[in-house]
C-alpha atoms as a PDB file:
ATOM      1  CA  MET A   1      -3.595   6.827  26.538  1.00  0.00           C
ATOM      2  CA  ARG A   2      -2.906  10.491  26.845  1.00  0.00           C
ATOM      3  CA  ILE A   3       0.368  11.994  25.682  1.00  0.00           C
ATOM      4  CA  LEU A   4       1.242  13.077  29.223  1.00  0.00           C
ATOM      5  CA  VAL A   5       1.302   9.476  30.456  1.00  0.00           C
ATOM      6  CA  LEU A   6       3.432   8.349  27.535  1.00  0.00           C
ATOM      7  CA  THR A   7       5.953  11.117  27.940  1.00  0.00           C
ATOM      8  CA  PHE A   8       6.117  10.647  31.713  1.00  0.00           C
ATOM      9  CA  LEU A   9       6.836   6.948  31.353  1.00  0.00           C
ATOM     10  CA  LEU A  10       9.399   7.636  28.674  1.00  0.00           C
ATOM     11  CA  ALA A  11      11.110  10.223  30.855  1.00  0.00           C
ATOM     12  CA  ILE A  12      11.441   7.633  33.613  1.00  0.00           C
ATOM     13  CA  ALA A  13      12.813   5.054  31.192  1.00  0.00           C
ATOM     14  CA  LEU A  14      15.416   7.294  29.581  1.00  0.00           C
ATOM     15  CA  PRO A  15      18.153   6.890  32.244  1.00  0.00           C
ATOM     16  CA  PHE A  16      17.959   3.128  31.892  1.00  0.00           C
ATOM     17  CA  SER A  17      18.139   3.045  28.097  1.00  0.00           C
ATOM     18  CA  VAL A  18      21.255   1.797  26.317  1.00  0.00           C
ATOM     19  CA  GLN A  19      23.361   3.809  23.887  1.00  0.00           C
ATOM     20  CA  ALA A  20      22.666   3.117  20.204  1.00  0.00           C
ATOM     21  CA  GLN A  21      24.389   3.875  16.903  1.00  0.00           C
ATOM     22  CA  GLU A  22      25.470   7.414  15.959  1.00  0.00           C
ATOM     23  CA  ALA A  23      23.172   9.570  13.829  1.00  0.00           C
ATOM     24  CA  ASP A  24      23.834   9.766  10.126  1.00  0.00           C
ATOM     25  CA  ARG A  25      26.312  12.653   9.726  1.00  0.00           C
ATOM     26  CA  GLN A  26      24.676  13.991   6.563  1.00  0.00           C
ATOM     27  CA  TYR A  27      21.858  15.280   8.763  1.00  0.00           C
ATOM     28  CA  GLU A  28      23.405  17.542  11.395  1.00  0.00           C
ATOM     29  CA  THR A  29      21.031  18.448  14.237  1.00  0.00           C
ATOM     30  CA  GLY A  30      21.358  19.989  17.652  1.00  0.00           C
ATOM     31  CA  TYR A  31      19.504  17.117  19.314  1.00  0.00           C
ATOM     32  CA  SER A  32      21.354  14.563  21.375  1.00  0.00           C
ATOM     33  CA  ASP A  33      20.151  11.061  20.590  1.00  0.00           C
ATOM     34  CA  PRO A  34      21.449   8.692  23.291  1.00  0.00           C
ATOM     35  CA  ILE A  35      18.803   6.051  22.587  1.00  0.00           C
ATOM     36  CA  GLU A  36      18.924   6.175  18.796  1.00  0.00           C
ATOM     37  CA  GLY A  37      18.527   2.427  18.462  1.00  0.00           C
ATOM     38  CA  VAL A  38      15.305   2.485  20.487  1.00  0.00           C
ATOM     39  CA  ASN A  39      14.081   5.590  18.682  1.00  0.00           C
ATOM     40  CA  ARG A  40      14.732   4.048  15.283  1.00  0.00           C
ATOM     41  CA  GLY A  41      12.750   0.976  16.247  1.00  0.00           C
ATOM     42  CA  ILE A  42       9.779   3.070  17.352  1.00  0.00           C
ATOM     43  CA  PHE A  43      10.113   5.253  14.249  1.00  0.00           C
ATOM     44  CA  THR A  44       9.930   2.139  12.049  1.00  0.00           C
ATOM     45  CA  PHE A  45       6.916   0.898  14.020  1.00  0.00           C
ATOM     46  CA  ASN A  46       5.159   4.252  13.605  1.00  0.00           C
ATOM     47  CA  SER A  47       5.926   4.259   9.874  1.00  0.00           C
ATOM     48  CA  VAL A  48       4.392   0.804   9.432  1.00  0.00           C
ATOM     49  CA  VAL A  49       1.298   1.735  11.438  1.00  0.00           C
ATOM     50  CA  ASP A  50       0.915   4.940   9.442  1.00  0.00           C
ATOM     51  CA  GLU A  51       1.319   3.163   6.110  1.00  0.00           C
ATOM     52  CA  TYR A  52      -1.116   0.322   6.783  1.00  0.00           C
ATOM     53  CA  VAL A  53      -3.595   1.833   9.244  1.00  0.00           C
ATOM     54  CA  PHE A  54      -3.743   5.619   9.208  1.00  0.00           C
ATOM     55  CA  ASP A  55      -2.750   6.385   5.607  1.00  0.00           C
ATOM     56  CA  PRO A  56      -5.718   4.464   4.124  1.00  0.00           C
ATOM     57  CA  ILE A  57      -8.059   6.293   6.507  1.00  0.00           C
ATOM     58  CA  ILE A  58      -6.588   9.667   5.560  1.00  0.00           C
ATOM     59  CA  SER A  59      -6.730   8.798   1.854  1.00  0.00           C
ATOM     60  CA  GLY A  60     -10.430   8.018   2.224  1.00  0.00           C
ATOM     61  CA  TYR A  61     -10.996  11.234   4.145  1.00  0.00           C
ATOM     62  CA  ARG A  62      -9.264  13.277   1.452  1.00  0.00           C
ATOM     63  CA  PHE A  63     -11.279  11.540  -1.249  1.00  0.00           C
ATOM     64  CA  ALA A  64     -14.573  12.245   0.525  1.00  0.00           C
ATOM     65  CA  VAL A  65     -13.885  15.777   1.785  1.00  0.00           C
ATOM     66  CA  PRO A  66     -12.648  18.520  -0.592  1.00  0.00           C
ATOM     67  CA  ARG A  67      -9.664  20.673   0.350  1.00  0.00           C
ATOM     68  CA  GLU A  68     -11.890  23.603   1.266  1.00  0.00           C
ATOM     69  CA  GLY A  69     -13.789  21.400   3.708  1.00  0.00           C
ATOM     70  CA  ARG A  70     -10.596  20.045   5.235  1.00  0.00           C
ATOM     71  CA  GLN A  71      -9.227  23.566   5.663  1.00  0.00           C
ATOM     72  CA  ALA A  72     -12.457  24.609   7.384  1.00  0.00           C
ATOM     73  CA  ILE A  73     -12.027  21.744   9.859  1.00  0.00           C
ATOM     74  CA  THR A  74      -8.415  22.782  10.474  1.00  0.00           C
ATOM     75  CA  ASN A  75      -9.544  26.374  11.065  1.00  0.00           C
ATOM     76  CA  PHE A  76     -12.193  25.251  13.550  1.00  0.00           C
ATOM     77  CA  LEU A  77      -9.776  23.075  15.532  1.00  0.00           C
ATOM     78  CA  ARG A  78      -7.229  25.882  15.637  1.00  0.00           C
ATOM     79  CA  ASN A  79      -9.905  28.190  16.989  1.00  0.00           C
ATOM     80  CA  LEU A  80     -10.732  25.685  19.721  1.00  0.00           C
ATOM     81  CA  LYS A  81      -7.057  25.537  20.696  1.00  0.00           C
ATOM     82  CA  THR A  82      -6.922  29.308  21.268  1.00  0.00           C
ATOM     83  CA  PRO A  83      -6.790  29.011  25.099  1.00  0.00           C
ATOM     84  CA  VAL A  84      -3.613  26.913  24.845  1.00  0.00           C
ATOM     85  CA  ASN A  85      -1.941  29.336  22.434  1.00  0.00           C
ATOM     86  CA  LEU A  86      -3.012  32.363  24.451  1.00  0.00           C
ATOM     87  CA  ALA A  87      -1.859  30.927  27.783  1.00  0.00           C
ATOM     88  CA  ASN A  88       1.576  30.101  26.403  1.00  0.00           C
ATOM     89  CA  GLN A  89       1.993  33.516  24.804  1.00  0.00           C
ATOM     90  CA  LEU A  90       1.192  35.158  28.139  1.00  0.00           C
ATOM     91  CA  LEU A  91       3.599  32.833  29.948  1.00  0.00           C
ATOM     92  CA  GLN A  92       6.279  33.870  27.450  1.00  0.00           C
ATOM     93  CA  GLY A  93       5.541  37.556  28.030  1.00  0.00           C
ATOM     94  CA  ASP A  94       4.489  37.856  24.388  1.00  0.00           C
ATOM     95  CA  LEU A  95       1.722  40.425  24.804  1.00  0.00           C
ATOM     96  CA  ASN A  96       1.714  41.395  21.119  1.00  0.00           C
ATOM     97  CA  GLY A  97       1.228  37.790  20.031  1.00  0.00           C
ATOM     98  CA  ALA A  98      -1.433  37.266  22.701  1.00  0.00           C
ATOM     99  CA  GLY A  99      -3.320  40.284  21.391  1.00  0.00           C
ATOM    100  CA  VAL A 100      -3.256  38.912  17.843  1.00  0.00           C
ATOM    101  CA  THR A 101      -4.436  35.498  19.062  1.00  0.00           C
ATOM    102  CA  LEU A 102      -7.317  37.033  21.018  1.00  0.00           C
ATOM    103  CA  PHE A 103      -8.278  39.231  18.060  1.00  0.00           C
ATOM    104  CA  ARG A 104      -8.267  36.195  15.752  1.00  0.00           C
ATOM    105  CA  PHE A 105     -10.446  34.214  18.152  1.00  0.00           C
ATOM    106  CA  VAL A 106     -13.067  36.936  18.527  1.00  0.00           C
ATOM    107  CA  THR A 107     -13.103  37.747  14.805  1.00  0.00           C
ATOM    108  CA  ASN A 108     -13.284  34.165  13.568  1.00  0.00           C
ATOM    109  CA  THR A 109     -15.786  33.068  16.213  1.00  0.00           C
ATOM    110  CA  LEU A 110     -18.181  35.932  15.487  1.00  0.00           C
ATOM    111  CA  THR A 111     -17.759  36.283  11.722  1.00  0.00           C
ATOM    112  CA  GLY A 112     -16.391  32.893  10.680  1.00  0.00           C
ATOM    113  CA  PHE A 113     -19.213  30.575  11.771  1.00  0.00           C
ATOM    114  CA  GLY A 114     -17.514  29.678  15.034  1.00  0.00           C
ATOM    115  CA  GLY A 115     -14.075  29.490  13.474  1.00  0.00           C
ATOM    116  CA  PHE A 116     -14.665  27.408  10.348  1.00  0.00           C
ATOM    117  CA  LEU A 117     -13.653  30.454   8.293  1.00  0.00           C
ATOM    118  CA  ASP A 118     -10.352  32.209   8.998  1.00  0.00           C
ATOM    119  CA  ASN A 119     -11.511  35.741   8.249  1.00  0.00           C
ATOM    120  CA  ALA A 120      -8.780  37.238  10.433  1.00  0.00           C
ATOM    121  CA  GLY A 121      -6.153  35.371   8.445  1.00  0.00           C
ATOM    122  CA  ARG A 122      -7.594  36.682   5.194  1.00  0.00           C
ATOM    123  CA  GLU A 123      -7.081  40.190   6.549  1.00  0.00           C
ATOM    124  CA  GLY A 124      -3.433  39.425   7.247  1.00  0.00           C
ATOM    125  CA  TRP A 125      -3.592  38.460  10.934  1.00  0.00           C
ATOM    126  CA  ALA A 126      -1.702  35.181  10.631  1.00  0.00           C
ATOM    127  CA  TYR A 127      -2.227  32.141  12.828  1.00  0.00           C
ATOM    128  CA  GLU A 128       0.575  31.310  15.239  1.00  0.00           C
ATOM    129  CA  ARG A 129       0.720  28.123  17.285  1.00  0.00           C
ATOM    130  CA  GLU A 130       2.369  28.214  20.699  1.00  0.00           C
ATOM    131  CA  ASP A 131       2.887  25.388  23.169  1.00  0.00           C
ATOM    132  CA  LEU A 132       4.510  24.736  26.512  1.00  0.00           C
ATOM    133  CA  GLY A 133       7.614  23.332  24.843  1.00  0.00           C
ATOM    134  CA  GLN A 134       8.228  26.746  23.302  1.00  0.00           C
ATOM    135  CA  THR A 135       7.451  28.409  26.626  1.00  0.00           C
ATOM    136  CA  LEU A 136       9.973  26.207  28.426  1.00  0.00           C
ATOM    137  CA  ALA A 137      12.547  27.068  25.743  1.00  0.00           C
ATOM    138  CA  VAL A 138      11.939  30.786  26.309  1.00  0.00           C
ATOM    139  CA  TRP A 139      12.439  30.166  30.033  1.00  0.00           C
ATOM    140  CA  GLY A 140      15.826  28.621  29.286  1.00  0.00           C
ATOM    141  CA  VAL A 141      15.034  24.903  29.484  1.00  0.00           C
ATOM    142  CA  GLY A 142      17.212  22.908  27.087  1.00  0.00           C
ATOM    143  CA  ASP A 143      15.963  20.497  24.443  1.00  0.00           C
ATOM    144  CA  GLY A 144      16.923  17.320  26.246  1.00  0.00           C
ATOM    145  CA  PRO A 145      17.336  14.093  24.279  1.00  0.00           C
ATOM    146  CA  TYR A 146      15.459  13.328  21.085  1.00  0.00           C
ATOM    147  CA  VAL A 147      12.560  10.910  21.565  1.00  0.00           C
ATOM    148  CA  VAL A 148      10.073   9.081  19.359  1.00  0.00           C
ATOM    149  CA  ILE A 149       6.697   8.360  20.973  1.00  0.00           C
ATOM    150  CA  PRO A 150       4.742   5.303  19.750  1.00  0.00           C
ATOM    151  CA  PHE A 151       1.832   6.330  17.484  1.00  0.00           C
ATOM    152  CA  PHE A 152       2.363  10.066  18.080  1.00  0.00           C
ATOM    153  CA  GLY A 153       5.641  11.224  16.613  1.00  0.00           C
ATOM    154  CA  THR A 154       9.019  12.803  17.273  1.00  0.00           C
ATOM    155  CA  ALA A 155      10.254  15.667  19.424  1.00  0.00           C
ATOM    156  CA  SER A 156      12.812  16.633  22.015  1.00  0.00           C
ATOM    157  CA  LEU A 157      12.021  15.395  25.522  1.00  0.00           C
ATOM    158  CA  ARG A 158      11.281  18.970  26.607  1.00  0.00           C
ATOM    159  CA  ASP A 159       8.777  19.445  23.806  1.00  0.00           C
ATOM    160  CA  ALA A 160       7.158  16.031  24.269  1.00  0.00           C
ATOM    161  CA  VAL A 161       6.534  16.744  27.954  1.00  0.00           C
ATOM    162  CA  GLY A 162       5.339  20.232  27.042  1.00  0.00           C
ATOM    163  CA  TYR A 163       2.794  18.905  24.571  1.00  0.00           C
ATOM    164  CA  GLY A 164       1.430  16.558  27.222  1.00  0.00           C
ATOM    165  CA  LEU A 165       1.117  19.313  29.805  1.00  0.00           C
ATOM    166  CA  ASP A 166      -0.638  21.536  27.263  1.00  0.00           C
ATOM    167  CA  SER A 167      -3.666  19.279  27.618  1.00  0.00           C
ATOM    168  CA  PHE A 168      -4.221  20.767  31.081  1.00  0.00           C
ATOM    169  CA  MET A 169      -4.582  24.222  29.503  1.00  0.00           C
ATOM    170  CA  ASP A 170      -7.330  23.053  27.150  1.00  0.00           C
ATOM    171  CA  PRO A 171     -10.792  23.778  28.627  1.00  0.00           C
ATOM    172  CA  ILE A 172     -12.422  21.051  26.541  1.00  0.00           C
ATOM    173  CA  ASN A 173     -10.497  18.429  28.499  1.00  0.00           C
ATOM    174  CA  TYR A 174     -12.393  19.554  31.600  1.00  0.00           C
ATOM    175  CA  ILE A 175     -15.833  18.912  30.124  1.00  0.00           C
ATOM    176  CA  ASP A 176     -17.576  16.303  32.275  1.00  0.00           C
ATOM    177  CA  ASP A 177     -18.419  14.047  29.369  1.00  0.00           C
ATOM    178  CA  ASP A 178     -16.066  11.249  28.331  1.00  0.00           C
ATOM    179  CA  GLY A 179     -17.630  11.023  24.887  1.00  0.00           C
ATOM    180  CA  VAL A 180     -16.971  14.689  24.140  1.00  0.00           C
ATOM    181  CA  ARG A 181     -13.381  14.521  25.361  1.00  0.00           C
ATOM    182  CA  TYR A 182     -12.596  11.312  23.459  1.00  0.00           C
ATOM    183  CA  ALA A 183     -14.221  12.615  20.277  1.00  0.00           C
ATOM    184  CA  TYR A 184     -12.341  15.907  20.524  1.00  0.00           C
ATOM    185  CA  ASN A 185      -8.918  14.386  21.146  1.00  0.00           C
ATOM    186  CA  GLY A 186      -9.507  11.652  18.575  1.00  0.00           C
ATOM    187  CA  THR A 187     -10.412  14.280  15.991  1.00  0.00           C
ATOM    188  CA  LEU A 188      -7.269  16.246  16.854  1.00  0.00           C
ATOM    189  CA  PHE A 189      -5.166  13.112  16.466  1.00  0.00           C
ATOM    190  CA  MET A 190      -6.578  12.252  13.039  1.00  0.00           C
ATOM    191  CA  GLU A 191      -6.337  15.874  11.903  1.00  0.00           C
ATOM    192  CA  GLN A 192      -2.667  15.828  12.818  1.00  0.00           C
ATOM    193  CA  LYS A 193      -2.187  12.618  10.851  1.00  0.00           C
ATOM    194  CA  ASN A 194      -3.905  14.277   7.895  1.00  0.00           C
ATOM    195  CA  GLN A 195      -1.649  17.334   8.093  1.00  0.00           C
ATOM    196  CA  LEU A 196       1.480  15.167   8.208  1.00  0.00           C
ATOM    197  CA  PHE A 197       0.346  12.754   5.484  1.00  0.00           C
ATOM    198  CA  ASP A 198       2.232  14.317   2.565  1.00  0.00           C
ATOM    199  CA  VAL A 199       5.461  15.193   4.340  1.00  0.00           C
ATOM    200  CA  SER A 200       5.696  11.797   6.056  1.00  0.00           C
ATOM    201  CA  ASN A 201       5.223   9.939   2.793  1.00  0.00           C
ATOM    202  CA  ASP A 202       7.766  12.213   1.123  1.00  0.00           C
ATOM    203  CA  PHE A 203      10.369  11.373   3.762  1.00  0.00           C
ATOM    204  CA  ARG A 204       9.681   7.652   3.449  1.00  0.00           C
ATOM    205  CA  ALA A 205       9.852   7.712  -0.356  1.00  0.00           C
ATOM    206  CA  ASN A 206      12.700  10.123  -1.033  1.00  0.00           C
ATOM    207  CA  SER A 207      15.109  10.024   1.911  1.00  0.00           C
ATOM    208  CA  LEU A 208      17.983   7.564   2.114  1.00  0.00           C
ATOM    209  CA  ASP A 209      17.579   7.698   5.883  1.00  0.00           C
ATOM    210  CA  PRO A 210      14.051   8.888   6.757  1.00  0.00           C
ATOM    211  CA  TYR A 211      14.797   8.799  10.488  1.00  0.00           C
ATOM    212  CA  SER A 212      17.749  11.193  10.294  1.00  0.00           C
ATOM    213  CA  ALA A 213      16.016  13.398   7.728  1.00  0.00           C
ATOM    214  CA  MET A 214      12.975  13.716   9.976  1.00  0.00           C
ATOM    215  CA  LYS A 215      15.110  14.485  13.018  1.00  0.00           C
ATOM    216  CA  SER A 216      16.924  17.238  11.123  1.00  0.00           C
ATOM    217  CA  ALA A 217      13.642  18.758   9.902  1.00  0.00           C
ATOM    218  CA  VAL A 218      12.140  18.625  13.386  1.00  0.00           C
ATOM    219  CA  TYR A 219      15.119  20.443  14.870  1.00  0.00           C
ATOM    220  CA  GLN A 220      15.348  23.162  12.218  1.00  0.00           C
ATOM    221  CA  ASN A 221      11.638  23.916  12.194  1.00  0.00           C
ATOM    222  CA  ARG A 222      11.445  23.866  15.971  1.00  0.00           C
ATOM    223  CA  GLN A 223      14.221  26.433  16.249  1.00  0.00           C
ATOM    224  CA  ALA A 224      12.327  28.650  13.792  1.00  0.00           C
ATOM    225  CA  GLU A 225       9.155  28.364  15.880  1.00  0.00           C
ATOM    226  CA  ILE A 226      10.951  29.293  19.085  1.00  0.00           C
ATOM    227  CA  ALA A 227      12.706  32.241  17.430  1.00  0.00           C
ATOM    228  CA  ASP A 228       9.489  33.710  16.011  1.00  0.00           C
ATOM    229  CA  ARG A 229       8.327  35.252  19.307  1.00  0.00           C
ATOM    230  CA  ASN A 230       9.956  38.559  18.385  1.00  0.00           C
ATOM    231  CA  THR A 231       8.639  38.744  14.817  1.00  0.00           C
ATOM    232  CA  HIS A 232       4.940  39.546  15.273  1.00  0.00           C
ATOM    233  CA  ASN A 233       3.275  41.807  12.793  1.00  0.00           C
ATOM    234  CA  LYS A 234       0.106  41.833  10.761  1.00  0.00           C
ATOM    235  CA  LYS A 235       1.689  40.295   7.673  1.00  0.00           C
ATOM    236  CA  ARG A 236       3.835  37.801   9.569  1.00  0.00           C
ATOM    237  CA  THR A 237       4.686  34.634   7.603  1.00  0.00           C
ATOM    238  CA  GLU A 238       3.845  31.446   9.482  1.00  0.00           C
ATOM    239  CA  THR A 239       6.675  28.971   9.948  1.00  0.00           C
ATOM    240  CA  ILE A 240       6.191  25.329   9.119  1.00  0.00           C
ATOM    241  CA  SER A 241       5.398  23.293  12.176  1.00  0.00           C
ATOM    242  CA  GLU A 242       7.756  20.561  13.252  1.00  0.00           C
ATOM    243  CA  SER A 243       7.227  17.118  11.766  1.00  0.00           C
ATOM    244  CA  ASN A 244       5.460  15.360  14.589  1.00  0.00           C
ATOM    245  CA  ALA A 245       1.944  14.425  15.515  1.00  0.00           C
ATOM    246  CA  PHE A 246       1.619  16.544  18.622  1.00  0.00           C
ATOM    247  CA  ALA A 247       0.592  19.763  16.940  1.00  0.00           C
ATOM    248  CA  ILE A 248      -1.514  21.008  14.043  1.00  0.00           C
ATOM    249  CA  PRO A 249       0.842  22.025  11.225  1.00  0.00           C
ATOM    250  CA  ASP A 250      -0.260  23.437   7.881  1.00  0.00           C
ATOM    251  CA  TYR A 251       0.648  20.933   5.177  1.00  0.00           C
ATOM    252  CA  ASP A 252      -2.844  20.108   3.895  1.00  0.00           C
ATOM    253  CA  GLY A 253      -3.549  23.074   1.704  1.00  0.00           C
ATOM    254  CA  ASP A 254      -2.809  26.784   1.909  1.00  0.00           C
ATOM    255  CA  PHE A 255      -5.938  28.740   1.054  1.00  0.00           C
END
């Protein structure tokens, strides 16, 4: 089921959800969490599914495919997502960032075997991911409550809805071939699980309260992503993406 459907149903259910326990105070975040009990249950469910279903698959993938190969796949998927990034940068009025994104796409498509090589990045033109959640934030839309989506991950309600709506900006989702669309979105999903593999396991192994630690990390990194719209330059340092499975962060190798 597509993220948009999940987030839409969750948005409808939110007003009817009961209040749960307060967040652990050692992890201060700006997110309200009125359904913490529900979120914690889904977070635990996701952790179990990751540990027993997706983690073994990702471990096998990492064993079979060297880091260079995995990075090439990440580069290619990022190149395919250029229309989404570009559209959001234009909606934010970020013409400088849009120019960099377009330059990266042309350069990597023509000289990087369709995007498998990030030649633009090697020249200092860093990748920057944008999404509708960031666009809505620039437009003044607040975070909304913190939510955990089954199988997918964690985000504010604004960002979760934004990620779902981003699918309508992706030209590949308009290809009239179910097999292509399912293969593409399935590959994106597993790539996201691969990118989050290390950080998710680190939270589970080393945090006294993985739920609160994850929520704090999501909030802090998300604020950094939103704030970066005024920091474009050739040698710009990429911020770490938020710890969820909606986007393509950069945890699996830095080449």
